[in-house]
PDB file of N, CA and C in Angstrom:
ATOM      1  N   MET A   1       6.458 -10.996  -1.692  1.00  0.00           N
ATOM      2  CA  MET A   1       6.827  -9.733  -1.089  1.00  0.00           C
ATOM      3  C   MET A   1       7.598  -9.953   0.207  1.00  0.00           C
ATOM      4  N   ALA A   2       7.123 -10.848   1.050  1.00  0.00           N
ATOM      5  CA  ALA A   2       7.735 -11.023   2.361  1.00  0.00           C
ATOM      6  C   ALA A   2       9.169 -11.524   2.267  1.00  0.00           C
ATOM      7  N   ALA A   3       9.439 -12.415   1.327  1.00  0.00           N
ATOM      8  CA  ALA A   3      10.777 -12.988   1.216  1.00  0.00           C
ATOM      9  C   ALA A   3      11.817 -11.944   0.799  1.00  0.00           C
ATOM     10  N   ARG A   4      11.441 -10.970   0.048  1.00  0.00           N
ATOM     11  CA  ARG A   4      12.371  -9.951  -0.448  1.00  0.00           C
ATOM     12  C   ARG A   4      12.039  -8.561   0.103  1.00  0.00           C
ATOM     13  N   PHE A   5      11.408  -8.514   1.248  1.00  0.00           N
ATOM     14  CA  PHE A   5      10.918  -7.248   1.792  1.00  0.00           C
ATOM     15  C   PHE A   5      12.034  -6.222   1.932  1.00  0.00           C
ATOM     16  N   LYS A   6      13.076  -6.575   2.648  1.00  0.00           N
ATOM     17  CA  LYS A   6      14.155  -5.612   2.885  1.00  0.00           C
ATOM     18  C   LYS A   6      14.904  -5.272   1.606  1.00  0.00           C
ATOM     19  N   GLU A   7      15.088  -6.254   0.738  1.00  0.00           N
ATOM     20  CA  GLU A   7      15.888  -6.040  -0.462  1.00  0.00           C
ATOM     21  C   GLU A   7      15.163  -5.219  -1.524  1.00  0.00           C
ATOM     22  N   THR A   8      13.841  -5.333  -1.596  1.00  0.00           N
ATOM     23  CA  THR A   8      13.147  -4.684  -2.705  1.00  0.00           C
ATOM     24  C   THR A   8      11.994  -3.769  -2.294  1.00  0.00           C
ATOM     25  N   VAL A   9      11.150  -4.214  -1.414  1.00  0.00           N
ATOM     26  CA  VAL A   9       9.906  -3.483  -1.140  1.00  0.00           C
ATOM     27  C   VAL A   9      10.173  -2.139  -0.477  1.00  0.00           C
ATOM     28  N   ILE A  10      11.041  -2.101   0.508  1.00  0.00           N
ATOM     29  CA  ILE A  10      11.301  -0.849   1.212  1.00  0.00           C
ATOM     30  C   ILE A  10      11.865   0.205   0.263  1.00  0.00           C
ATOM     31  N   SER A  11      12.864  -0.167  -0.535  1.00  0.00           N
ATOM     32  CA  SER A  11      13.449   0.817  -1.444  1.00  0.00           C
ATOM     33  C   SER A  11      12.481   1.193  -2.567  1.00  0.00           C
ATOM     34  N   LEU A  12      11.694   0.249  -3.029  1.00  0.00           N
ATOM     35  CA  LEU A  12      10.698   0.557  -4.059  1.00  0.00           C
ATOM     36  C   LEU A  12       9.668   1.548  -3.530  1.00  0.00           C
ATOM     37  N   CYS A  13       9.190   1.316  -2.321  1.00  0.00           N
ATOM     38  CA  CYS A  13       8.205   2.232  -1.723  1.00  0.00           C
ATOM     39  C   CYS A  13       8.820   3.605  -1.466  1.00  0.00           C
ATOM     40  N   ASP A  14      10.083   3.658  -1.066  1.00  0.00           N
ATOM     41  CA  ASP A  14      10.766   4.952  -0.894  1.00  0.00           C
ATOM     42  C   ASP A  14      10.785   5.726  -2.208  1.00  0.00           C
ATOM     43  N   THR A  15      11.116   5.042  -3.286  1.00  0.00           N
ATOM     44  CA  THR A  15      11.161   5.679  -4.600  1.00  0.00           C
ATOM     45  C   THR A  15       9.777   6.162  -5.021  1.00  0.00           C
ATOM     46  N   ILE A  16       8.769   5.333  -4.825  1.00  0.00           N
ATOM     47  CA  ILE A  16       7.400   5.721  -5.173  1.00  0.00           C
ATOM     48  C   ILE A  16       6.980   6.939  -4.362  1.00  0.00           C
ATOM     49  N   ASN A  17       7.241   6.931  -3.067  1.00  0.00           N
ATOM     50  CA  ASN A  17       6.857   8.056  -2.214  1.00  0.00           C
ATOM     51  C   ASN A  17       7.538   9.355  -2.636  1.00  0.00           C
ATOM     52  N   LYS A  18       8.760   9.295  -3.131  1.00  0.00           N
ATOM     53  CA  LYS A  18       9.472  10.498  -3.568  1.00  0.00           C
ATOM     54  C   LYS A  18       8.853  11.121  -4.815  1.00  0.00           C
ATOM     55  N   HIS A  19       8.213  10.310  -5.644  1.00  0.00           N
ATOM     56  CA  HIS A  19       7.755  10.788  -6.947  1.00  0.00           C
ATOM     57  C   HIS A  19       6.242  10.740  -7.152  1.00  0.00           C
ATOM     58  N   LYS A  20       5.477  10.352  -6.165  1.00  0.00           N
ATOM     59  CA  LYS A  20       4.050  10.089  -6.393  1.00  0.00           C
ATOM     60  C   LYS A  20       3.171  11.326  -6.474  1.00  0.00           C
ATOM     61  N   LYS A  21       3.612  12.460  -6.036  1.00  0.00           N
ATOM     62  CA  LYS A  21       2.835  13.696  -6.037  1.00  0.00           C
ATOM     63  C   LYS A  21       1.487  13.509  -5.350  1.00  0.00           C
ATOM     64  N   ASP A  22       0.363  13.529  -6.071  1.00  0.00           N
ATOM     65  CA  ASP A  22      -0.957  13.422  -5.446  1.00  0.00           C
ATOM     66  C   ASP A  22      -1.510  12.001  -5.423  1.00  0.00           C
ATOM     67  N   ALA A  23      -0.708  11.031  -5.795  1.00  0.00           N
ATOM     68  CA  ALA A  23      -1.164   9.633  -5.823  1.00  0.00           C
ATOM     69  C   ALA A  23      -1.053   9.007  -4.435  1.00  0.00           C
ATOM     70  N   TRP A  24      -1.720   7.900  -4.264  1.00  0.00           N
ATOM     71  CA  TRP A  24      -1.629   7.125  -3.025  1.00  0.00           C
ATOM     72  C   TRP A  24      -0.790   5.890  -3.270  1.00  0.00           C
ATOM     73  N   LEU A  25      -0.095   5.461  -2.256  1.00  0.00           N
ATOM     74  CA  LEU A  25       0.623   4.194  -2.270  1.00  0.00           C
ATOM     75  C   LEU A  25      -0.160   3.236  -1.383  1.00  0.00           C
ATOM     76  N   ILE A  26      -0.793   2.249  -2.003  1.00  0.00           N
ATOM     77  CA  ILE A  26      -1.626   1.288  -1.283  1.00  0.00           C
ATOM     78  C   ILE A  26      -1.079  -0.106  -1.536  1.00  0.00           C
ATOM     79  N   LEU A  27      -0.865  -0.854  -0.470  1.00  0.00           N
ATOM     80  CA  LEU A  27      -0.380  -2.229  -0.570  1.00  0.00           C
ATOM     81  C   LEU A  27      -1.462  -3.182  -0.094  1.00  0.00           C
ATOM     82  N   GLY A  28      -1.473  -4.383  -0.657  1.00  0.00           N
ATOM     83  CA  GLY A  28      -2.439  -5.378  -0.239  1.00  0.00           C
ATOM     84  C   GLY A  28      -1.977  -6.769  -0.611  1.00  0.00           C
ATOM     85  N   GLY A  29      -2.735  -7.755  -0.206  1.00  0.00           N
ATOM     86  CA  GLY A  29      -2.416  -9.137  -0.534  1.00  0.00           C
ATOM     87  C   GLY A  29      -1.823  -9.880   0.644  1.00  0.00           C
ATOM     88  N   TYR A  30      -1.201 -11.024   0.324  1.00  0.00           N
ATOM     89  CA  TYR A  30      -0.712 -11.914   1.381  1.00  0.00           C
ATOM     90  C   TYR A  30       0.471 -11.352   2.165  1.00  0.00           C
ATOM     91  N   GLY A  31       1.265 -10.475   1.580  1.00  0.00           N
ATOM     92  CA  GLY A  31       2.446  -9.947   2.268  1.00  0.00           C
ATOM     93  C   GLY A  31       2.110  -9.034   3.433  1.00  0.00           C
ATOM     94  N   PRO A  32       1.416  -7.934   3.184  1.00  0.00           N
ATOM     95  CA  PRO A  32       1.142  -6.997   4.266  1.00  0.00           C
ATOM     96  C   PRO A  32      -0.073  -7.340   5.133  1.00  0.00           C
ATOM     97  N   SER A  33      -0.913  -8.252   4.686  1.00  0.00           N
ATOM     98  CA  SER A  33      -2.165  -8.534   5.417  1.00  0.00           C
ATOM     99  C   SER A  33      -1.978  -8.963   6.869  1.00  0.00           C
ATOM    100  N   PRO A  34      -1.017  -9.825   7.195  1.00  0.00           N
ATOM    101  CA  PRO A  34      -0.883 -10.232   8.597  1.00  0.00           C
ATOM    102  C   PRO A  34      -0.303  -9.148   9.506  1.00  0.00           C
ATOM    103  N   ILE A  35       0.378  -8.153   8.916  1.00  0.00           N
ATOM    104  CA  ILE A  35       1.061  -7.130   9.717  1.00  0.00           C
ATOM    105  C   ILE A  35       0.825  -5.731   9.141  1.00  0.00           C
ATOM    106  N   PRO A  36      -0.435  -5.316   8.997  1.00  0.00           N
ATOM    107  CA  PRO A  36      -0.701  -4.036   8.324  1.00  0.00           C
ATOM    108  C   PRO A  36      -0.109  -2.819   9.034  1.00  0.00           C
ATOM    109  N   GLU A  37      -0.133  -2.791  10.357  1.00  0.00           N
ATOM    110  CA  GLU A  37       0.408  -1.634  11.076  1.00  0.00           C
ATOM    111  C   GLU A  37       1.914  -1.524  10.861  1.00  0.00           C
ATOM    112  N   TYR A  38       2.594  -2.647  10.894  1.00  0.00           N
ATOM    113  CA  TYR A  38       4.042  -2.652  10.662  1.00  0.00           C
ATOM    114  C   TYR A  38       4.357  -2.125   9.265  1.00  0.00           C
ATOM    115  N   ILE A  39       3.622  -2.605   8.265  1.00  0.00           N
ATOM    116  CA  ILE A  39       3.840  -2.185   6.887  1.00  0.00           C
ATOM    117  C   ILE A  39       3.581  -0.688   6.740  1.00  0.00           C
ATOM    118  N   LEU A  40       2.487  -0.201   7.323  1.00  0.00           N
ATOM    119  CA  LEU A  40       2.183   1.234   7.254  1.00  0.00           C
ATOM    120  C   LEU A  40       3.338   2.074   7.778  1.00  0.00           C
ATOM    121  N   ASN A  41       3.902   1.663   8.873  1.00  0.00           N
ATOM    122  CA  ASN A  41       4.986   2.426   9.490  1.00  0.00           C
ATOM    123  C   ASN A  41       6.317   2.228   8.790  1.00  0.00           C
ATOM    124  N   LYS A  42       6.590   1.031   8.331  1.00  0.00           N
ATOM    125  CA  LYS A  42       7.899   0.711   7.760  1.00  0.00           C
ATOM    126  C   LYS A  42       8.105   1.320   6.374  1.00  0.00           C
ATOM    127  N   VAL A  43       7.080   1.285   5.515  1.00  0.00           N
ATOM    128  CA  VAL A  43       7.259   1.764   4.144  1.00  0.00           C
ATOM    129  C   VAL A  43       6.555   3.091   3.887  1.00  0.00           C
ATOM    130  N   ASN A  44       5.902   3.629   4.908  1.00  0.00           N
ATOM    131  CA  ASN A  44       5.220   4.916   4.780  1.00  0.00           C
ATOM    132  C   ASN A  44       4.203   4.919   3.635  1.00  0.00           C
ATOM    133  N   CYS A  45       3.445   3.832   3.531  1.00  0.00           N
ATOM    134  CA  CYS A  45       2.390   3.796   2.520  1.00  0.00           C
ATOM    135  C   CYS A  45       1.150   4.488   3.080  1.00  0.00           C
ATOM    136  N   ASP A  46       0.212   4.781   2.207  1.00  0.00           N
ATOM    137  CA  ASP A  46      -0.990   5.499   2.619  1.00  0.00           C
ATOM    138  C   ASP A  46      -2.062   4.576   3.176  1.00  0.00           C
ATOM    139  N   ALA A  47      -2.040   3.321   2.725  1.00  0.00           N
ATOM    140  CA  ALA A  47      -3.042   2.366   3.198  1.00  0.00           C
ATOM    141  C   ALA A  47      -2.562   0.945   2.940  1.00  0.00           C
ATOM    142  N   VAL A  48      -3.071   0.029   3.760  1.00  0.00           N
ATOM    143  CA  VAL A  48      -2.861  -1.399   3.540  1.00  0.00           C
ATOM    144  C   VAL A  48      -4.239  -2.036   3.473  1.00  0.00           C
ATOM    145  N   ILE A  49      -4.476  -2.764   2.407  1.00  0.00           N
ATOM    146  CA  ILE A  49      -5.732  -3.500   2.269  1.00  0.00           C
ATOM    147  C   ILE A  49      -5.474  -4.922   2.720  1.00  0.00           C
ATOM    148  N   VAL A  50      -6.200  -5.354   3.735  1.00  0.00           N
ATOM    149  CA  VAL A  50      -6.026  -6.693   4.281  1.00  0.00           C
ATOM    150  C   VAL A  50      -6.752  -7.680   3.379  1.00  0.00           C
ATOM    151  N   GLY A  51      -6.042  -8.705   2.964  1.00  0.00           N
ATOM    152  CA  GLY A  51      -6.610  -9.707   2.065  1.00  0.00           C
ATOM    153  C   GLY A  51      -6.376  -9.325   0.614  1.00  0.00           C
ATOM    154  N   GLU A  52      -7.163  -9.938  -0.261  1.00  0.00           N
ATOM    155  CA  GLU A  52      -7.034  -9.652  -1.687  1.00  0.00           C
ATOM    156  C   GLU A  52      -7.499  -8.228  -1.972  1.00  0.00           C
ATOM    157  N   ALA A  53      -6.674  -7.471  -2.652  1.00  0.00           N
ATOM    158  CA  ALA A  53      -6.942  -6.046  -2.832  1.00  0.00           C
ATOM    159  C   ALA A  53      -7.718  -5.717  -4.103  1.00  0.00           C
ATOM    160  N   GLU A  54      -7.860  -6.682  -5.006  1.00  0.00           N
ATOM    161  CA  GLU A  54      -8.444  -6.378  -6.314  1.00  0.00           C
ATOM    162  C   GLU A  54      -9.839  -5.761  -6.224  1.00  0.00           C
ATOM    163  N   ASN A  55     -10.707  -6.317  -5.420  1.00  0.00           N
ATOM    164  CA  ASN A  55     -12.068  -5.781  -5.304  1.00  0.00           C
ATOM    165  C   ASN A  55     -12.132  -4.610  -4.330  1.00  0.00           C
ATOM    166  N   THR A  56     -11.410  -4.702  -3.247  1.00  0.00           N
ATOM    167  CA  THR A  56     -11.447  -3.659  -2.230  1.00  0.00           C
ATOM    168  C   THR A  56     -10.899  -2.343  -2.763  1.00  0.00           C
ATOM    169  N   ILE A  57      -9.883  -2.396  -3.610  1.00  0.00           N
ATOM    170  CA  ILE A  57      -9.297  -1.165  -4.133  1.00  0.00           C
ATOM    171  C   ILE A  57     -10.322  -0.372  -4.929  1.00  0.00           C
ATOM    172  N   LEU A  58     -11.205  -1.059  -5.626  1.00  0.00           N
ATOM    173  CA  LEU A  58     -12.264  -0.371  -6.367  1.00  0.00           C
ATOM    174  C   LEU A  58     -13.196   0.381  -5.422  1.00  0.00           C
ATOM    175  N   GLU A  59     -13.522  -0.240  -4.286  1.00  0.00           N
ATOM    176  CA  GLU A  59     -14.375   0.421  -3.295  1.00  0.00           C
ATOM    177  C   GLU A  59     -13.675   1.644  -2.702  1.00  0.00           C
ATOM    178  N   VAL A  60     -12.399   1.522  -2.425  1.00  0.00           N
ATOM    179  CA  VAL A  60     -11.632   2.646  -1.868  1.00  0.00           C
ATOM    180  C   VAL A  60     -11.627   3.812  -2.849  1.00  0.00           C
ATOM    181  N   ILE A  61     -11.387   3.521  -4.108  1.00  0.00           N
ATOM    182  CA  ILE A  61     -11.351   4.573  -5.128  1.00  0.00           C
ATOM    183  C   ILE A  61     -12.718   5.231  -5.271  1.00  0.00           C
ATOM    184  N   LYS A  62     -13.772   4.436  -5.360  1.00  0.00           N
ATOM    185  CA  LYS A  62     -15.122   4.990  -5.513  1.00  0.00           C
ATOM    186  C   LYS A  62     -15.501   5.861  -4.330  1.00  0.00           C
ATOM    187  N   ASP A  63     -15.215   5.403  -3.118  1.00  0.00           N
ATOM    188  CA  ASP A  63     -15.556   6.176  -1.923  1.00  0.00           C
ATOM    189  C   ASP A  63     -14.805   7.500  -1.875  1.00  0.00           C
ATOM    190  N   ASN A  64     -13.556   7.490  -2.298  1.00  0.00           N
ATOM    191  CA  ASN A  64     -12.773   8.719  -2.255  1.00  0.00           C
ATOM    192  C   ASN A  64     -13.110   9.655  -3.405  1.00  0.00           C
ATOM    193  N   LEU A  65     -13.582   9.151  -4.508  1.00  0.00           N
ATOM    194  CA  LEU A  65     -14.027  10.027  -5.597  1.00  0.00           C
ATOM    195  C   LEU A  65     -15.289  10.792  -5.192  1.00  0.00           C
ATOM    196  N   LYS A  66     -16.126  10.173  -4.374  1.00  0.00           N
ATOM    197  CA  LYS A  66     -17.336  10.839  -3.888  1.00  0.00           C
ATOM    198  C   LYS A  66     -16.961  12.051  -3.036  1.00  0.00           C
ATOM    199  N   GLU A  67     -15.861  11.963  -2.309  1.00  0.00           N
ATOM    200  CA  GLU A  67     -15.446  13.044  -1.413  1.00  0.00           C
ATOM    201  C   GLU A  67     -14.828  14.221  -2.175  1.00  0.00           C
ATOM    202  N   LEU A  68     -14.378  13.993  -3.385  1.00  0.00           N
ATOM    203  CA  LEU A  68     -13.727  15.073  -4.143  1.00  0.00           C
ATOM    204  C   LEU A  68     -14.688  16.019  -4.703  1.00  0.00           C
TER     205      LEU A  68
END
């Protein structure tokens, strides 16, 4: 992600944000983990999961389903 950030990630996130409706855009893993605040502001995502996102994303989904 980091090597192609400007070329791909920013435009991909822009496209996702235009069409996502009620979905969330969440990024995680080695790319955004060292600079989560920058990523949040630069690509306008809803959340950044620091570290490996596979397990944490399940917790985020479960916690937010309880609130609905």
